[in-house]
Amino acid sequence: MARYYLQWETKESVTATDPVKGAKLALSLLEMVKQDMQAGRTKDWGFIPGESRGYSIVEAPSELDLAIGMMKWAPYLKFEVKPVLTLDQTVESFKKGAAGAKVKK
């Protein structure tokens, strides 16, 4: 399963000017985050206080599955997405890369 690092930011168009409405929307979105974490799709999630942005680590079988899973967030958030490797995948990539590399003298 592939892992992705998502940097997210709240869209200005959904930022409520009424603090009560804003808090209600934020809490409903956080419930969606909790559901994704309980389902195992989201592995880690964080919020940067005072900046209306944060990050998620998400697992998905493919980029298509990732895109489908992100559709529910599209009205509220904008994303920058990067694939990431686990520690074991990184070790394997260095071993295989070193084995295939030609050493120049």
C-alpha atoms as a PDB file:
ATOM      1  CA  MET A   1       0.000   0.000   0.000  1.00  0.00           C
ATOM      2  CA  ALA A   2       1.379   3.394  -0.978  1.00  0.00           C
ATOM      3  CA  ARG A   3       1.759   6.236   1.515  1.00  0.00           C
ATOM      4  CA  TYR A   4       1.216   9.890   0.775  1.00  0.00           C
ATOM      5  CA  TYR A   5       2.125  13.079   2.622  1.00  0.00           C
ATOM      6  CA  LEU A   6      -0.661  15.613   2.237  1.00  0.00           C
ATOM      7  CA  GLN A   7      -0.218  19.239   3.177  1.00  0.00           C
ATOM      8  CA  TRP A   8      -3.679  20.729   3.465  1.00  0.00           C
ATOM      9  CA  GLU A   9      -5.003  24.237   3.846  1.00  0.00           C
ATOM     10  CA  THR A  10      -8.529  25.444   4.515  1.00  0.00           C
ATOM     11  CA  LYS A  11     -10.074  27.214   1.542  1.00  0.00           C
ATOM     12  CA  GLU A  12     -10.879  30.849   2.285  1.00  0.00           C
ATOM     13  CA  SER A  13     -14.304  30.430   0.696  1.00  0.00           C
ATOM     14  CA  VAL A  14     -15.389  28.128   3.538  1.00  0.00           C
ATOM     15  CA  THR A  15     -13.916  30.136   6.395  1.00  0.00           C
ATOM     16  CA  ALA A  16     -16.885  31.301   8.449  1.00  0.00           C
ATOM     17  CA  THR A  17     -16.953  34.874   9.696  1.00  0.00           C
ATOM     18  CA  ASP A  18     -19.201  33.755  12.568  1.00  0.00           C
ATOM     19  CA  PRO A  19     -16.986  31.997  15.175  1.00  0.00           C
ATOM     20  CA  VAL A  20     -19.827  29.686  16.268  1.00  0.00           C
ATOM     21  CA  LYS A  21     -20.520  28.552  12.699  1.00  0.00           C
ATOM     22  CA  GLY A  22     -16.776  28.207  12.063  1.00  0.00           C
ATOM     23  CA  ALA A  23     -16.319  26.004  15.121  1.00  0.00           C
ATOM     24  CA  LYS A  24     -19.323  23.860  14.121  1.00  0.00           C
ATOM     25  CA  LEU A  25     -17.876  23.305  10.634  1.00  0.00           C
ATOM     26  CA  ALA A  26     -14.399  22.578  12.018  1.00  0.00           C
ATOM     27  CA  LEU A  27     -15.775  20.015  14.476  1.00  0.00           C
ATOM     28  CA  SER A  28     -17.733  18.239  11.739  1.00  0.00           C
ATOM     29  CA  LEU A  29     -14.591  18.058   9.585  1.00  0.00           C
ATOM     30  CA  LEU A  30     -12.595  16.733  12.543  1.00  0.00           C
ATOM     31  CA  GLU A  31     -15.180  13.970  12.968  1.00  0.00           C
ATOM     32  CA  MET A  32     -14.504  13.017   9.333  1.00  0.00           C
ATOM     33  CA  VAL A  33     -10.779  12.889  10.142  1.00  0.00           C
ATOM     34  CA  LYS A  34     -11.487  10.604  13.107  1.00  0.00           C
ATOM     35  CA  GLN A  35     -13.506   8.278  10.865  1.00  0.00           C
ATOM     36  CA  ASP A  36     -10.659   8.086   8.342  1.00  0.00           C
ATOM     37  CA  MET A  37      -8.205   7.317  11.152  1.00  0.00           C
ATOM     38  CA  GLN A  38     -10.456   4.620  12.628  1.00  0.00           C
ATOM     39  CA  ALA A  39     -10.823   3.074   9.159  1.00  0.00           C
ATOM     40  CA  GLY A  40      -7.021   3.043   8.785  1.00  0.00           C
ATOM     41  CA  ARG A  41      -6.891   5.340   5.738  1.00  0.00           C
ATOM     42  CA  THR A  42      -5.275   8.209   7.643  1.00  0.00           C
ATOM     43  CA  LYS A  43      -2.206   7.154   9.628  1.00  0.00           C
ATOM     44  CA  ASP A  44      -1.264  10.522  11.107  1.00  0.00           C
ATOM     45  CA  TRP A  45      -2.823  13.970  11.149  1.00  0.00           C
ATOM     46  CA  GLY A  46      -1.724  17.323  12.481  1.00  0.00           C
ATOM     47  CA  PHE A  47      -2.921  20.927  12.649  1.00  0.00           C
ATOM     48  CA  ILE A  48      -0.719  24.033  12.754  1.00  0.00           C
ATOM     49  CA  PRO A  49      -2.404  26.335  15.280  1.00  0.00           C
ATOM     50  CA  GLY A  50      -3.267  29.770  13.972  1.00  0.00           C
ATOM     51  CA  GLU A  51      -2.568  28.912  10.335  1.00  0.00           C
ATOM     52  CA  SER A  52      -5.665  26.984   9.146  1.00  0.00           C
ATOM     53  CA  ARG A  53      -3.438  24.285   7.683  1.00  0.00           C
ATOM     54  CA  GLY A  54      -1.737  21.052   8.557  1.00  0.00           C
ATOM     55  CA  TYR A  55      -0.761  17.627   7.244  1.00  0.00           C
ATOM     56  CA  SER A  56      -1.944  14.044   6.910  1.00  0.00           C
ATOM     57  CA  ILE A  57      -0.209  10.768   6.201  1.00  0.00           C
ATOM     58  CA  VAL A  58      -2.591   8.645   4.149  1.00  0.00           C
ATOM     59  CA  GLU A  59      -2.357   5.099   2.784  1.00  0.00           C
ATOM     60  CA  ALA A  60      -4.084   4.138  -0.455  1.00  0.00           C
ATOM     61  CA  PRO A  61      -3.745   1.200  -2.861  1.00  0.00           C
ATOM     62  CA  SER A  62      -3.307   3.557  -5.836  1.00  0.00           C
ATOM     63  CA  GLU A  63      -3.298   7.208  -6.839  1.00  0.00           C
ATOM     64  CA  LEU A  64      -6.847   6.748  -8.130  1.00  0.00           C
ATOM     65  CA  ASP A  65      -7.988   5.467  -4.725  1.00  0.00           C
ATOM     66  CA  LEU A  66      -6.244   8.415  -3.074  1.00  0.00           C
ATOM     67  CA  ALA A  67      -8.011  10.864  -5.398  1.00  0.00           C
ATOM     68  CA  ILE A  68     -11.390   9.256  -4.748  1.00  0.00           C
ATOM     69  CA  GLY A  69     -10.820   9.412  -0.989  1.00  0.00           C
ATOM     70  CA  MET A  70      -9.867  13.088  -1.205  1.00  0.00           C
ATOM     71  CA  MET A  71     -13.041  14.085  -3.073  1.00  0.00           C
ATOM     72  CA  LYS A  72     -15.026  14.523   0.163  1.00  0.00           C
ATOM     73  CA  TRP A  73     -12.500  17.151   1.269  1.00  0.00           C
ATOM     74  CA  ALA A  74     -12.491  19.092  -2.016  1.00  0.00           C
ATOM     75  CA  PRO A  75     -15.154  21.643  -0.992  1.00  0.00           C
ATOM     76  CA  TYR A  76     -13.217  22.565   2.159  1.00  0.00           C
ATOM     77  CA  LEU A  77      -9.490  22.026   1.658  1.00  0.00           C
ATOM     78  CA  LYS A  78      -6.772  22.409  -0.949  1.00  0.00           C
ATOM     79  CA  PHE A  79      -3.892  19.947  -1.000  1.00  0.00           C
ATOM     80  CA  GLU A  80      -0.305  19.416  -1.980  1.00  0.00           C
ATOM     81  CA  VAL A  81       0.338  15.673  -2.256  1.00  0.00           C
ATOM     82  CA  LYS A  82       3.660  13.833  -2.245  1.00  0.00           C
ATOM     83  CA  PRO A  83       4.301  10.088  -2.187  1.00  0.00           C
ATOM     84  CA  VAL A  84       6.529   8.972   0.676  1.00  0.00           C
ATOM     85  CA  LEU A  85       8.475   5.797   1.482  1.00  0.00           C
ATOM     86  CA  THR A  86       8.483   3.933   4.765  1.00  0.00           C
ATOM     87  CA  LEU A  87      11.785   3.272   6.528  1.00  0.00           C
ATOM     88  CA  ASP A  88      11.937  -0.281   5.142  1.00  0.00           C
ATOM     89  CA  GLN A  89      11.196   0.941   1.601  1.00  0.00           C
ATOM     90  CA  THR A  90      13.909   3.581   1.897  1.00  0.00           C
ATOM     91  CA  VAL A  91      16.485   1.027   3.074  1.00  0.00           C
ATOM     92  CA  GLU A  92      15.525  -1.271   0.183  1.00  0.00           C
ATOM     93  CA  SER A  93      15.803   1.572  -2.336  1.00  0.00           C
ATOM     94  CA  PHE A  94      19.315   2.461  -1.145  1.00  0.00           C
ATOM     95  CA  LYS A  95      20.431  -1.173  -1.232  1.00  0.00           C
ATOM     96  CA  LYS A  96      19.074  -1.772  -4.724  1.00  0.00           C
ATOM     97  CA  GLY A  97      20.268   1.610  -5.950  1.00  0.00           C
ATOM     98  CA  ALA A  98      23.775   1.001  -4.625  1.00  0.00           C
ATOM     99  CA  ALA A  99      23.868  -2.486  -6.164  1.00  0.00           C
ATOM    100  CA  GLY A 100      22.981  -1.098  -9.574  1.00  0.00           C
ATOM    101  CA  ALA A 101      25.180   1.987  -9.424  1.00  0.00           C
ATOM    102  CA  LYS A 102      28.481   2.059 -11.268  1.00  0.00           C
ATOM    103  CA  VAL A 103      31.299   3.358  -9.123  1.00  0.00           C
ATOM    104  CA  LYS A 104      33.636   5.774 -10.901  1.00  0.00           C
ATOM    105  CA  LYS A 105      37.286   5.883  -9.871  1.00  0.00           C
END
